Protein backbone atom coordinates (compact mmCIF):
# COMPACT_ATOMS: atom_id res chain seq x y z
CA UNK A 1 21.41 16.93 18.19
CA UNK A 2 18.25 15.30 19.70
CA UNK A 3 16.25 18.27 17.93
CA UNK A 4 17.65 17.80 14.68
CA UNK A 5 16.80 14.08 15.05
CA UNK A 6 13.01 14.88 16.06
CA UNK A 7 12.96 17.43 13.18
CA UNK A 8 13.96 14.85 10.65
CA UNK A 9 11.47 11.83 12.06
CA UNK A 10 8.77 15.04 11.59
CA UNK A 11 9.46 15.62 8.07
CA UNK A 12 10.06 11.95 7.13
CA UNK A 13 6.82 11.13 8.57
CA UNK A 14 4.70 14.00 6.69
CA UNK A 15 6.28 12.86 3.01
CA UNK A 16 4.87 9.38 3.78
CA UNK A 17 1.44 10.76 4.61
CA UNK A 18 1.66 12.78 1.41
CA UNK A 19 3.05 10.15 -0.99
CA UNK A 20 -0.05 7.72 0.67
CA UNK A 21 -2.58 10.39 0.13
CA UNK A 22 -1.08 11.40 -3.67
CA UNK A 23 -1.28 7.48 -4.45
CA UNK A 24 -4.51 7.21 -3.26
CA UNK A 25 -6.02 9.96 -5.01
CA UNK A 26 -4.53 8.49 -8.43
CA UNK A 27 -5.73 5.02 -7.64
CA UNK A 28 -9.65 6.72 -6.99
CA UNK A 29 -9.59 10.19 -8.01
CA UNK A 30 -13.67 10.08 -7.82
CA UNK A 31 -13.28 9.69 -3.70
CA UNK A 32 -11.45 11.53 -1.14
CA UNK A 33 -8.98 9.47 0.46
CA UNK A 34 -9.67 8.36 3.93
CA UNK A 35 -6.56 6.23 4.89
CA UNK A 36 -4.17 8.31 6.63
CA UNK A 37 -0.84 7.26 7.99
CA UNK A 38 -0.89 9.84 10.82
CA UNK A 39 -1.24 7.40 13.70
CA UNK A 40 2.24 6.22 14.82
CA UNK A 41 3.17 3.16 16.49
CA UNK A 42 3.56 2.85 20.25
CA UNK A 43 7.30 2.14 19.55
CA UNK A 44 7.58 5.42 17.27
CA UNK A 45 5.87 7.21 19.89
CA UNK A 46 8.45 5.94 22.79
CA UNK A 47 11.29 6.90 20.47
CA UNK A 48 9.87 10.39 19.78
CA UNK A 49 9.56 11.03 23.35
CA UNK A 50 12.40 9.79 24.33
CA UNK A 51 14.28 11.86 21.54
CA UNK A 52 12.22 15.14 23.12
CA UNK A 53 13.46 14.31 26.82
CA UNK A 54 16.84 14.15 25.44
CA UNK A 55 16.35 17.38 23.58
CA UNK A 56 14.90 19.08 26.78
CA UNK A 57 17.90 17.99 28.92
CA UNK A 58 20.21 19.52 26.28
CA UNK A 59 18.44 23.02 26.58
């Protein structure tokens, strides 16, 4: 279902962010990482909005 897809996408995004942060910390343990890949591209935003719209229609 669209809701499951949405959840899956969120989880994947989260993992990516955490992995990137972890990598940055290992590379520079003395500094707090500021490079967070939280901002999604326009395409990803549109895809998520479409999925969410489908999910709302299914309800």
